[in-house]
Structure formats: structure tokens, C-alpha cells
C-alpha atoms as a PDB file:
ATOM      1  CA  MET A   1     -10.831   6.844 -48.615  1.00  0.00           C
ATOM      2  CA  SER A   2      -9.259   8.579 -45.622  1.00  0.00           C
ATOM      3  CA  SER A   3      -6.178   6.940 -44.174  1.00  0.00           C
ATOM      4  CA  ASN A   4      -7.403   7.802 -40.651  1.00  0.00           C
ATOM      5  CA  LYS A   5     -10.484   5.601 -41.044  1.00  0.00           C
ATOM      6  CA  LYS A   6     -10.306   2.710 -38.591  1.00  0.00           C
ATOM      7  CA  THR A   7     -10.592  -0.905 -39.711  1.00  0.00           C
ATOM      8  CA  PRO A   8     -13.745  -2.868 -38.714  1.00  0.00           C
ATOM      9  CA  SER A   9     -11.727  -4.913 -36.211  1.00  0.00           C
ATOM     10  CA  ALA A  10     -10.407  -1.844 -34.395  1.00  0.00           C
ATOM     11  CA  LYS A  11     -13.464  -1.344 -32.183  1.00  0.00           C
ATOM     12  CA  PRO A  12     -13.680  -4.981 -30.948  1.00  0.00           C
ATOM     13  CA  LYS A  13      -9.946  -4.942 -30.288  1.00  0.00           C
ATOM     14  CA  ARG A  14     -10.158  -1.716 -28.303  1.00  0.00           C
ATOM     15  CA  ALA A  15     -13.137  -3.058 -26.357  1.00  0.00           C
ATOM     16  CA  PHE A  16     -11.225  -6.249 -25.555  1.00  0.00           C
ATOM     17  CA  LEU A  17      -8.152  -4.335 -24.394  1.00  0.00           C
ATOM     18  CA  ARG A  18     -10.342  -1.990 -22.357  1.00  0.00           C
ATOM     19  CA  GLY A  19     -11.948  -5.010 -20.712  1.00  0.00           C
ATOM     20  CA  LEU A  20      -8.534  -6.416 -19.866  1.00  0.00           C
ATOM     21  CA  ALA A  21      -7.497  -3.093 -18.353  1.00  0.00           C
ATOM     22  CA  VAL A  22     -10.619  -3.108 -16.172  1.00  0.00           C
ATOM     23  CA  LEU A  23     -10.699  -6.766 -15.103  1.00  0.00           C
ATOM     24  CA  LEU A  24      -7.031  -7.791 -15.029  1.00  0.00           C
ATOM     25  CA  PRO A  25      -6.030  -5.782 -11.909  1.00  0.00           C
ATOM     26  CA  SER A  26      -8.936  -7.241  -9.922  1.00  0.00           C
ATOM     27  CA  VAL A  27      -8.312 -10.776 -11.178  1.00  0.00           C
ATOM     28  CA  LEU A  28      -4.585 -10.600 -10.413  1.00  0.00           C
ATOM     29  CA  THR A  29      -5.286  -9.167  -6.954  1.00  0.00           C
ATOM     30  CA  LEU A  30      -7.727 -11.988  -6.166  1.00  0.00           C
ATOM     31  CA  TRP A  31      -5.267 -14.541  -7.534  1.00  0.00           C
ATOM     32  CA  LEU A  32      -2.474 -13.223  -5.315  1.00  0.00           C
ATOM     33  CA  MET A  33      -4.767 -13.248  -2.279  1.00  0.00           C
ATOM     34  CA  VAL A  34      -5.830 -16.843  -2.977  1.00  0.00           C
ATOM     35  CA  LYS A  35      -2.215 -17.955  -3.435  1.00  0.00           C
ATOM     36  CA  ALA A  36      -1.194 -16.175  -0.234  1.00  0.00           C
ATOM     37  CA  TYR A  37      -4.024 -17.858   1.687  1.00  0.00           C
ATOM     38  CA  GLN A  38      -3.127 -21.272   0.245  1.00  0.00           C
ATOM     39  CA  PHE A  39       0.495 -20.805   1.284  1.00  0.00           C
ATOM     40  CA  ILE A  40      -0.424 -19.696   4.811  1.00  0.00           C
ATOM     41  CA  ASP A  41      -2.963 -22.507   5.097  1.00  0.00           C
ATOM     42  CA  SER A  42      -0.541 -25.231   3.961  1.00  0.00           C
ATOM     43  CA  ALA A  43       2.571 -23.907   5.729  1.00  0.00           C
ATOM     44  CA  ILE A  44       1.041 -22.682   9.003  1.00  0.00           C
ATOM     45  CA  ALA A  45      -2.603 -23.637   9.547  1.00  0.00           C
ATOM     46  CA  GLN A  46      -2.476 -27.298   8.480  1.00  0.00           C
ATOM     47  CA  PRO A  47       0.536 -28.221  10.668  1.00  0.00           C
ATOM     48  CA  ILE A  48      -1.182 -26.604  13.658  1.00  0.00           C
ATOM     49  CA  ASN A  49      -4.441 -28.410  12.842  1.00  0.00           C
ATOM     50  CA  GLY A  50      -2.495 -31.669  12.622  1.00  0.00           C
ATOM     51  CA  GLY A  51      -1.013 -31.012  16.050  1.00  0.00           C
ATOM     52  CA  ILE A  52      -4.469 -30.328  17.509  1.00  0.00           C
ATOM     53  CA  LYS A  53      -5.818 -33.578  16.043  1.00  0.00           C
ATOM     54  CA  MET A  54      -2.871 -35.519  17.446  1.00  0.00           C
ATOM     55  CA  LEU A  55      -3.432 -33.926  20.851  1.00  0.00           C
ATOM     56  CA  VAL A  56      -7.086 -34.997  20.837  1.00  0.00           C
ATOM     57  CA  VAL A  57      -6.135 -38.539  19.794  1.00  0.00           C
ATOM     58  CA  GLN A  58      -3.365 -38.952  22.385  1.00  0.00           C
ATOM     59  CA  THR A  59      -5.123 -37.301  25.329  1.00  0.00           C
ATOM     60  CA  PRO A  60      -7.245 -40.390  26.240  1.00  0.00           C
ATOM     61  CA  ASN A  61      -4.010 -42.364  26.733  1.00  0.00           C
ATOM     62  CA  TYR A  62      -3.278 -40.195  29.769  1.00  0.00           C
ATOM     63  CA  PHE A  63      -6.844 -39.247  30.709  1.00  0.00           C
ATOM     64  CA  PRO A  64      -9.130 -42.218  29.906  1.00  0.00           C
ATOM     65  CA  GLY A  65     -12.287 -40.204  30.465  1.00  0.00           C
ATOM     66  CA  ALA A  66     -11.350 -37.833  27.641  1.00  0.00           C
ATOM     67  CA  ALA A  67     -12.352 -40.419  25.016  1.00  0.00           C
ATOM     68  CA  ASP A  68     -15.951 -40.299  26.194  1.00  0.00           C
ATOM     69  CA  TYR A  69     -15.806 -36.510  26.526  1.00  0.00           C
ATOM     70  CA  PHE A  70     -14.587 -36.040  22.956  1.00  0.00           C
ATOM     71  CA  ALA A  71     -16.796 -38.926  21.748  1.00  0.00           C
ATOM     72  CA  ILE A  72     -14.004 -40.347  19.624  1.00  0.00           C
ATOM     73  CA  GLY A  73     -14.263 -43.977  20.790  1.00  0.00           C
ATOM     74  CA  PRO A  74     -13.735 -46.699  20.000  1.00  0.00           C
ATOM     75  CA  ASN A  75     -15.932 -48.760  22.297  1.00  0.00           C
ATOM     76  CA  GLU A  76     -15.191 -52.401  23.087  1.00  0.00           C
ATOM     77  CA  LYS A  77     -17.438 -53.738  20.321  1.00  0.00           C
ATOM     78  CA  GLU A  78     -15.892 -51.545  17.609  1.00  0.00           C
ATOM     79  CA  LEU A  79     -12.402 -52.411  18.814  1.00  0.00           C
ATOM     80  CA  HIS A  80     -13.052 -56.179  18.713  1.00  0.00           C
ATOM     81  CA  GLU A  81     -14.661 -56.001  15.257  1.00  0.00           C
ATOM     82  CA  ALA A  82     -11.720 -54.028  13.879  1.00  0.00           C
ATOM     83  CA  ALA A  83      -9.271 -56.501  15.449  1.00  0.00           C
ATOM     84  CA  LEU A  84     -11.061 -59.437  13.837  1.00  0.00           C
ATOM     85  CA  GLN A  85     -11.082 -57.735  10.436  1.00  0.00           C
ATOM     86  CA  GLN A  86      -7.343 -57.098  10.618  1.00  0.00           C
ATOM     87  CA  GLU A  87      -6.711 -60.544  12.151  1.00  0.00           C
ATOM     88  CA  LEU A  88      -5.052 -59.104  15.224  1.00  0.00           C
ATOM     89  CA  SER A  89      -4.647 -60.796  18.566  1.00  0.00           C
ATOM     90  CA  ILE A  90      -6.998 -59.325  21.151  1.00  0.00           C
ATOM     91  CA  THR A  91      -4.618 -60.303  23.948  1.00  0.00           C
ATOM     92  CA  ASP A  92      -1.695 -58.407  22.423  1.00  0.00           C
ATOM     93  CA  LYS A  93      -1.799 -55.075  24.259  1.00  0.00           C
ATOM     94  CA  LYS A  94       0.663 -53.367  21.913  1.00  0.00           C
ATOM     95  CA  GLU A  95      -1.361 -54.238  18.813  1.00  0.00           C
ATOM     96  CA  MET A  96      -4.622 -53.245  20.484  1.00  0.00           C
ATOM     97  CA  ARG A  97      -3.136 -49.915  21.589  1.00  0.00           C
ATOM     98  CA  SER A  98      -2.008 -49.165  18.026  1.00  0.00           C
ATOM     99  CA  LEU A  99      -5.430 -50.178  16.698  1.00  0.00           C
ATOM    100  CA  THR A 100      -7.150 -47.931  19.240  1.00  0.00           C
ATOM    101  CA  ILE A 101      -5.069 -44.921  18.161  1.00  0.00           C
ATOM    102  CA  GLU A 102      -5.778 -45.709  14.502  1.00  0.00           C
ATOM    103  CA  LEU A 103      -9.547 -45.832  15.097  1.00  0.00           C
ATOM    104  CA  ARG A 104      -9.445 -42.623  17.129  1.00  0.00           C
ATOM    105  CA  THR A 105      -7.521 -40.887  14.351  1.00  0.00           C
ATOM    106  CA  GLN A 106     -10.111 -41.979  11.795  1.00  0.00           C
ATOM    107  CA  SER A 107     -12.921 -40.759  14.050  1.00  0.00           C
ATOM    108  CA  VAL A 108     -11.281 -37.359  14.617  1.00  0.00           C
ATOM    109  CA  ASN A 109     -10.513 -36.893  10.901  1.00  0.00           C
ATOM    110  CA  LYS A 110     -14.086 -37.819   9.968  1.00  0.00           C
ATOM    111  CA  TRP A 111     -15.520 -35.329  12.448  1.00  0.00           C
ATOM    112  CA  TRP A 112     -13.018 -32.645  11.371  1.00  0.00           C
ATOM    113  CA  ASP A 113     -13.873 -33.081   7.689  1.00  0.00           C
ATOM    114  CA  ALA A 114     -17.574 -32.787   8.500  1.00  0.00           C
ATOM    115  CA  HIS A 115     -16.928 -29.373  10.082  1.00  0.00           C
ATOM    116  CA  ARG A 116     -14.919 -27.496   7.440  1.00  0.00           C
ATOM    117  CA  TRP A 117     -14.822 -24.323   9.504  1.00  0.00           C
ATOM    118  CA  MET A 118     -12.451 -26.100  11.906  1.00  0.00           C
ATOM    119  CA  ASN A 119      -9.667 -25.579   9.339  1.00  0.00           C
ATOM    120  CA  LEU A 120      -9.634 -21.919  10.408  1.00  0.00           C
ATOM    121  CA  LEU A 121      -8.660 -22.992  13.913  1.00  0.00           C
ATOM    122  CA  GLY A 122      -5.022 -23.293  12.870  1.00  0.00           C
ATOM    123  CA  LEU A 123      -4.946 -19.690  11.635  1.00  0.00           C
ATOM    124  CA  LEU A 124      -6.627 -18.509  14.840  1.00  0.00           C
ATOM    125  CA  VAL A 125      -4.144 -20.379  17.020  1.00  0.00           C
ATOM    126  CA  ALA A 126      -1.226 -18.984  14.983  1.00  0.00           C
ATOM    127  CA  ALA A 127      -2.531 -15.429  15.386  1.00  0.00           C
ATOM    128  CA  VAL A 128      -2.955 -15.932  19.140  1.00  0.00           C
ATOM    129  CA  ILE A 129       0.576 -17.342  19.464  1.00  0.00           C
ATOM    130  CA  VAL A 130       2.040 -14.392  17.550  1.00  0.00           C
ATOM    131  CA  TYR A 131       0.098 -11.907  19.697  1.00  0.00           C
ATOM    132  CA  ILE A 132       1.071 -13.553  22.990  1.00  0.00           C
ATOM    133  CA  SER A 133       4.710 -13.739  21.884  1.00  0.00           C
ATOM    134  CA  GLY A 134       4.666 -10.039  21.074  1.00  0.00           C
ATOM    135  CA  ARG A 135       3.169  -9.203  24.451  1.00  0.00           C
ATOM    136  CA  LEU A 136       5.697 -11.345  26.309  1.00  0.00           C
ATOM    137  CA  VAL A 137       8.715  -9.964  24.456  1.00  0.00           C
ATOM    138  CA  GLY A 138       7.438  -6.445  25.123  1.00  0.00           C
ATOM    139  CA  GLY A 139       8.250  -6.846  28.818  1.00  0.00           C
ATOM    140  CA  TRP A 140      11.651  -6.931  30.489  1.00  0.00           C
ATOM    141  CA  LEU A 141      11.409 -10.585  31.505  1.00  0.00           C
ATOM    142  CA  GLY A 142      10.229 -11.610  28.037  1.00  0.00           C
ATOM    143  CA  ARG A 143      13.065  -9.729  26.343  1.00  0.00           C
ATOM    144  CA  ALA A 144      15.605 -11.384  28.632  1.00  0.00           C
ATOM    145  CA  ALA A 145      14.189 -14.839  27.894  1.00  0.00           C
ATOM    146  CA  TYR A 146      14.139 -14.071  24.161  1.00  0.00           C
ATOM    147  CA  LYS A 147      17.779 -12.963  24.234  1.00  0.00           C
ATOM    148  CA  ARG A 148      18.712 -16.171  26.066  1.00  0.00           C
ATOM    149  CA  ILE A 149      16.928 -18.337  23.485  1.00  0.00           C
ATOM    150  CA  GLU A 150      18.483 -16.317  20.666  1.00  0.00           C
ATOM    151  CA  ASN A 151      21.975 -16.823  22.092  1.00  0.00           C
ATOM    152  CA  ILE A 152      21.359 -20.568  22.292  1.00  0.00           C
ATOM    153  CA  MET A 153      20.209 -20.664  18.664  1.00  0.00           C
ATOM    154  CA  VAL A 154      23.213 -18.673  17.466  1.00  0.00           C
ATOM    155  CA  ALA A 155      25.504 -21.126  19.266  1.00  0.00           C
ATOM    156  CA  VAL A 156      24.315 -23.982  17.023  1.00  0.00           C
ATOM    157  CA  PRO A 157      26.860 -24.333  14.166  1.00  0.00           C
ATOM    158  CA  VAL A 158      24.374 -24.555  11.278  1.00  0.00           C
ATOM    159  CA  ILE A 159      21.786 -22.103  12.576  1.00  0.00           C
ATOM    160  CA  ARG A 160      24.307 -19.352  13.339  1.00  0.00           C
ATOM    161  CA  LYS A 161      25.199 -19.217   9.628  1.00  0.00           C
ATOM    162  CA  VAL A 162      21.615 -18.399   8.642  1.00  0.00           C
ATOM    163  CA  TYR A 163      19.704 -16.972  11.610  1.00  0.00           C
ATOM    164  CA  PRO A 164      21.466 -13.566  11.951  1.00  0.00           C
ATOM    165  CA  TYR A 165      20.846 -12.670   8.313  1.00  0.00           C
ATOM    166  CA  ILE A 166      17.218 -13.777   8.388  1.00  0.00           C
ATOM    167  CA  LYS A 167      16.730 -11.747  11.560  1.00  0.00           C
ATOM    168  CA  GLN A 168      18.207  -8.650   9.915  1.00  0.00           C
ATOM    169  CA  LEU A 169      15.895  -9.087   6.924  1.00  0.00           C
ATOM    170  CA  VAL A 170      12.815  -9.517   9.134  1.00  0.00           C
ATOM    171  CA  ASP A 171      13.789  -6.528  11.287  1.00  0.00           C
ATOM    172  CA  PHE A 172      14.174  -4.503   8.098  1.00  0.00           C
ATOM    173  CA  LEU A 173      10.796  -5.529   6.646  1.00  0.00           C
ATOM    174  CA  ILE A 174       8.865  -5.450   9.943  1.00  0.00           C
ATOM    175  CA  ASN A 175      10.100  -2.447  11.872  1.00  0.00           C
ATOM    176  CA  GLU A 176       8.215  -1.837  15.103  1.00  0.00           C
ATOM    177  CA  ASN A 177       9.274   1.794  15.030  1.00  0.00           C
ATOM    178  CA  ASP A 178       7.638   4.322  12.739  1.00  0.00           C
ATOM    179  CA  ALA A 179      10.997   5.454  11.378  1.00  0.00           C
ATOM    180  CA  PRO A 180      11.326   4.998   7.623  1.00  0.00           C
ATOM    181  CA  LYS A 181      13.433   2.089   6.397  1.00  0.00           C
ATOM    182  CA  PHE A 182      14.973   4.268   3.668  1.00  0.00           C
ATOM    183  CA  SER A 183      16.181   7.802   4.264  1.00  0.00           C
ATOM    184  CA  SER A 184      15.117   9.126   0.864  1.00  0.00           C
ATOM    185  CA  VAL A 185      14.823   8.372  -2.833  1.00  0.00           C
ATOM    186  CA  VAL A 186      17.748   9.463  -4.969  1.00  0.00           C
ATOM    187  CA  ALA A 187      19.034   9.117  -8.514  1.00  0.00           C
ATOM    188  CA  VAL A 188      22.626   8.212  -9.256  1.00  0.00           C
ATOM    189  CA  GLN A 189      24.555   7.667 -12.463  1.00  0.00           C
ATOM    190  CA  TYR A 190      24.945   3.889 -12.380  1.00  0.00           C
ATOM    191  CA  PRO A 191      26.311   1.612 -13.845  1.00  0.00           C
ATOM    192  CA  ARG A 192      28.065   4.353 -15.834  1.00  0.00           C
ATOM    193  CA  LYS A 193      27.854   8.102 -16.340  1.00  0.00           C
ATOM    194  CA  GLY A 194      24.908   9.135 -18.467  1.00  0.00           C
ATOM    195  CA  ILE A 195      22.633   6.351 -17.168  1.00  0.00           C
ATOM    196  CA  TRP A 196      20.500   7.447 -14.225  1.00  0.00           C
ATOM    197  CA  SER A 197      19.228   4.796 -11.807  1.00  0.00           C
ATOM    198  CA  VAL A 198      16.615   5.339  -9.103  1.00  0.00           C
ATOM    199  CA  GLY A 199      17.674   4.055  -5.700  1.00  0.00           C
ATOM    200  CA  PHE A 200      17.115   4.335  -1.974  1.00  0.00           C
ATOM    201  CA  LEU A 201      19.488   6.110   0.375  1.00  0.00           C
ATOM    202  CA  THR A 202      19.996   3.572   3.152  1.00  0.00           C
ATOM    203  CA  GLY A 203      22.560   5.399   5.268  1.00  0.00           C
ATOM    204  CA  PRO A 204      26.283   6.062   5.683  1.00  0.00           C
ATOM    205  CA  THR A 205      28.934   3.788   4.238  1.00  0.00           C
ATOM    206  CA  LEU A 206      31.613   1.619   5.842  1.00  0.00           C
ATOM    207  CA  GLN A 207      34.397   3.265   7.822  1.00  0.00           C
ATOM    208  CA  THR A 208      37.093   2.039   5.433  1.00  0.00           C
ATOM    209  CA  LEU A 209      35.272   3.464   2.417  1.00  0.00           C
ATOM    210  CA  GLU A 210      34.583   6.701   4.258  1.00  0.00           C
ATOM    211  CA  LYS A 211      38.325   7.178   4.773  1.00  0.00           C
ATOM    212  CA  GLN A 212      38.941   6.745   1.053  1.00  0.00           C
ATOM    213  CA  THR A 213      36.023   8.925  -0.084  1.00  0.00           C
ATOM    214  CA  PRO A 214      34.725  11.300   2.599  1.00  0.00           C
ATOM    215  CA  ASP A 215      31.017  12.107   2.782  1.00  0.00           C
ATOM    216  CA  SER A 216      29.975   8.895   1.033  1.00  0.00           C
ATOM    217  CA  VAL A 217      26.560   7.256   1.292  1.00  0.00           C
ATOM    218  CA  THR A 218      25.171   3.778   0.664  1.00  0.00           C
ATOM    219  CA  ILE A 219      22.442   3.380  -1.946  1.00  0.00           C
ATOM    220  CA  PHE A 220      20.316   0.362  -2.759  1.00  0.00           C
ATOM    221  CA  ILE A 221      19.425   0.100  -6.461  1.00  0.00           C
ATOM    222  CA  PRO A 222      16.333  -2.159  -6.821  1.00  0.00           C
ATOM    223  CA  SER A 223      15.845  -4.461  -9.779  1.00  0.00           C
ATOM    224  CA  SER A 224      12.715  -4.568 -11.937  1.00  0.00           C
ATOM    225  CA  PRO A 225      10.209  -6.089 -11.484  1.00  0.00           C
ATOM    226  CA  THR A 226      11.440  -7.566  -8.170  1.00  0.00           C
ATOM    227  CA  PRO A 227      12.549  -4.637  -5.971  1.00  0.00           C
ATOM    228  CA  PHE A 228      13.635  -6.975  -3.159  1.00  0.00           C
ATOM    229  CA  THR A 229      16.695  -7.829  -5.243  1.00  0.00           C
ATOM    230  CA  GLY A 230      19.185  -5.335  -6.564  1.00  0.00           C
ATOM    231  CA  TYR A 231      22.603  -3.796  -6.012  1.00  0.00           C
ATOM    232  CA  THR A 232      24.178  -2.000  -3.067  1.00  0.00           C
ATOM    233  CA  ILE A 233      26.617   0.733  -4.039  1.00  0.00           C
ATOM    234  CA  THR A 234      28.595   3.442  -2.266  1.00  0.00           C
ATOM    235  CA  VAL A 235      29.000   6.846  -3.911  1.00  0.00           C
ATOM    236  CA  PRO A 236      29.902  10.371  -2.793  1.00  0.00           C
ATOM    237  CA  LYS A 237      26.905  12.316  -1.552  1.00  0.00           C
ATOM    238  CA  LYS A 238      27.562  15.061  -4.115  1.00  0.00           C
ATOM    239  CA  ASP A 239      27.021  12.570  -6.963  1.00  0.00           C
ATOM    240  CA  THR A 240      23.432  11.831  -5.921  1.00  0.00           C
ATOM    241  CA  LEU A 241      20.303  13.678  -6.979  1.00  0.00           C
ATOM    242  CA  ASP A 242      17.438  13.882  -4.480  1.00  0.00           C
ATOM    243  CA  LEU A 243      14.089  12.955  -6.039  1.00  0.00           C
ATOM    244  CA  PRO A 244      10.853  14.523  -4.714  1.00  0.00           C
ATOM    245  CA  ILE A 245       8.971  11.206  -4.580  1.00  0.00           C
ATOM    246  CA  THR A 246       8.070   8.844  -1.759  1.00  0.00           C
ATOM    247  CA  VAL A 247       9.481   5.372  -1.205  1.00  0.00           C
ATOM    248  CA  GLU A 248       6.147   3.812  -2.212  1.00  0.00           C
ATOM    249  CA  GLU A 249       6.118   5.785  -5.460  1.00  0.00           C
ATOM    250  CA  ALA A 250       9.690   4.717  -6.199  1.00  0.00           C
ATOM    251  CA  ILE A 251       8.813   1.057  -5.589  1.00  0.00           C
ATOM    252  CA  ARG A 252       5.817   1.289  -7.928  1.00  0.00           C
ATOM    253  CA  PHE A 253       8.056   2.950 -10.515  1.00  0.00           C
ATOM    254  CA  SER A 254      10.567   0.103 -10.230  1.00  0.00           C
ATOM    255  CA  VAL A 255       8.042  -2.754 -10.200  1.00  0.00           C
ATOM    256  CA  SER A 256       6.225  -1.421 -13.262  1.00  0.00           C
ATOM    257  CA  GLY A 257       9.437  -0.870 -15.192  1.00  0.00           C
ATOM    258  CA  GLY A 258       8.915   2.897 -15.252  1.00  0.00           C
ATOM    259  CA  VAL A 259       5.268   2.748 -16.370  1.00  0.00           C
ATOM    260  CA  LEU A 260       3.749   3.981 -13.104  1.00  0.00           C
ATOM    261  CA  VAL A 261       5.168   7.496 -12.813  1.00  0.00           C
ATOM    262  CA  PRO A 262       4.029   9.783  -9.949  1.00  0.00           C
ATOM    263  CA  ASP A 263       1.486  12.346 -11.159  1.00  0.00           C
ATOM    264  CA  HIS A 264       3.647  15.323 -10.241  1.00  0.00           C
ATOM    265  CA  GLN A 265       6.536  13.863 -12.268  1.00  0.00           C
ATOM    266  CA  LEU A 266       4.593  13.189 -15.482  1.00  0.00           C
ATOM    267  CA  LEU A 267       5.687  14.853 -18.703  1.00  0.00           C
ATOM    268  CA  SER A 268       3.279  16.139 -21.331  1.00  0.00           C
ATOM    269  CA  ASP A 269       3.629  15.462 -25.054  1.00  0.00           C
ATOM    270  CA  THR A 270       5.752  18.598 -25.379  1.00  0.00           C
ATOM    271  CA  GLY A 271       8.301  17.237 -22.908  1.00  0.00           C
ATOM    272  CA  VAL A 272       7.500  19.692 -20.104  1.00  0.00           C
ATOM    273  CA  PRO A 273       6.025  18.745 -16.728  1.00  0.00           C
ATOM    274  CA  ALA A 274       2.308  18.037 -16.985  1.00  0.00           C
ATOM    275  CA  ARG A 275       1.684  19.769 -13.685  1.00  0.00           C
ATOM    276  CA  ILE A 276       3.438  22.995 -12.829  1.00  0.00           C
ATOM    277  CA  ASP A 277       3.809  24.131  -9.254  1.00  0.00           C
ATOM    278  CA  THR A 278       1.812  27.326  -8.752  1.00  0.00           C
ATOM    279  CA  SER A 279       4.312  28.634  -6.239  1.00  0.00           C
ATOM    280  CA  ASN A 280       6.965  28.646  -8.950  1.00  0.00           C
ATOM    281  CA  GLU A 281       4.590  30.492 -11.277  1.00  0.00           C
ATOM    282  CA  ASP A 282       3.981  33.179  -8.674  1.00  0.00           C
ATOM    283  CA  SER A 283       7.689  33.650  -8.083  1.00  0.00           C
ATOM    284  CA  ASN A 284       8.335  33.814 -11.821  1.00  0.00           C
ATOM    285  CA  GLU A 285       5.628  36.458 -12.259  1.00  0.00           C
ATOM    286  CA  GLU A 286       7.182  38.531  -9.502  1.00  0.00           C
ATOM    287  CA  ASN A 287      10.594  38.228 -11.150  1.00  0.00           C
ATOM    288  CA  HIS A 288       9.133  39.335 -14.499  1.00  0.00           C
ATOM    289  CA  ASP A 289       7.374  42.273 -12.905  1.00  0.00           C
ATOM    290  CA  GLU A 290      10.469  43.704 -11.258  1.00  0.00           C
ATOM    291  CA  PRO A 291      12.357  44.628 -14.468  1.00  0.00           C
ATOM    292  CA  MET A 292       9.259  46.293 -15.885  1.00  0.00           C
ATOM    293  CA  GLU A 293       9.061  48.590 -12.868  1.00  0.00           C
ATOM    294  CA  ARG A 294      12.754  49.499 -13.122  1.00  0.00           C
ATOM    295  CA  GLU A 295      12.743  50.334 -16.842  1.00  0.00           C
ATOM    296  CA  PRO A 296      11.452  53.913 -16.405  1.00  0.00           C
ATOM    297  CA  GLU A 297      14.181  54.596 -13.841  1.00  0.00           C
ATOM    298  CA  GLN A 298      16.847  53.498 -16.326  1.00  0.00           C
ATOM    299  CA  ASP A 299      15.364  55.731 -19.064  1.00  0.00           C
ATOM    300  CA  GLN A 300      15.388  58.773 -16.762  1.00  0.00           C
ATOM    301  CA  THR A 301      19.039  58.331 -15.982  1.00  0.00           C
END
């Protein structure tokens, strides 16, 4: 019997693995989208929805006609029945005011739950607030007001320890300019010679380090599989090797632990590049042709 003959369980196993390869990316993508929506809904939309509900409940206290407009009650009969059930004094204005707010809250929550699409109102309001804030800060007056608010926040003892660093991180991740966040992708021998690490050239180094080692650069070495964490190192520019890949390709390479290699950087089974640049082939052919044309001249001499 041939040793290359596959076992009976090989085909089902391959089919199962092939199914995982097909379905797992889609399932993981949907899972991440659902988790992202749940986080945004719980952290942003629900607090805004709660504020809207509270606004509707409290508005009739200042505008009595709003209760009839919103149809949230309660009327006199409902209020008296609820007071009797809870054994409250009808003449106690404070207790009756608290009972009225409680009944209004129940009415608003009941109506809100009956219209599930209202939960999207919080996301819509958040998007509108973000857009309006961006438009206001885009003008001179808005920028001045933003700077004033920012200076007040930085003056608070606790906030000034955290806010500047969070602002730098947000400015780095969300850059309103089209300029790249990283200059280029490079390789450097780190943490020791003989071990090459892929990193991002972020810019020049500190002045003190530049005096010690002229022409030095700062490189961020991402960790796998979380490229947002890593190491920041400073090395001489001559010790770096420029890589012909984009930042996105380098991030995919880091996240996947080196599995996702750019197509033009793949190696074949023989250890040579799988794709060879045709321009290099043309130049090599020209270089090979030149000696052949000169050989007769050398023989004649």
C-alpha cells in the first residue's frame, strides 16, 4: 500500500478546515461589529436616551401644558388611585410631586419600550453633536472658545495629568490632515544584532540624543498581535533598512504574527521572491547583452 494514500478521515478534516477558513473571517467580522455596536449603544446612546427621557419627564414641571402635549399624564384620577395604593397623603405636595414624576417616568418608559426604533435616537443625537462641534471648532470663534475650555480643563489638578496624553493619542489616531502618521516602514536589528524587527519611522529623536548620536531617528516597534502597544527606540539612521511596504501592510504583518505577508514580498519554495520585478529583468538582460557584443572586439585586439 502506498504511503501517500490518505486516511479515510483526511477528506472530512480538510473539508472542515476549509469551512472554517471560509466562514471564520465573516463570523469574526460580524462579532466585532456587534460588540462595537453594543459598546457604543451602552456607553453613548443609552446615556443620551436617558437624558432625553428625563427631559420629557421634567418638562411639565416648568411647562404644565407639556404633559398633555406629550400625553404622559397622569390625570387626577390616576394620581389619586396611585396615592391610595401607596398610602400617601393627597395633601402632601412633596409626596404628590414625587409620585407624579414616578408615574410620568413609567409612562415614558412604557411608550419608549413600545417603539424600539427610538433607541437609535441617542446615536443620532451623538452624531449631530459631533458634527456641530466639528463645524464650530472649524471657525475662529469656535477655536478660541475650545482653547479657553481646554485651558480650564488643564488647570484642574487631576485632569491635567491625563488630558494632555489622551489628546495626543486622539490627535495621532484621528488626524484631520491627510499627512501620514508614520513616515515609512523600516527594519532595524532589535533587541540585538541578528534579529530584525519591523517598525515605523515616526520622526527625529530628542535633542539630547541627537547630540550624542547625530542623524538619529525614532522608531516605534509594534507588538503582536496588538500593534497599539510596543516599544519606542532611537537608532542611527544608517542602521535602519527601508522596507518597500505600506503602513497598512506592516500592521497586517504585525497583527497576524508574520502570516499575512505582502504579495510582492512573498518567497517561493526555493527561497527566491515569488514575484520578480520585470524592470529588473530588463536591466539584467541589457547587462548580459553588453559583454556579448564586446567579445569580438577583445578577440580582434
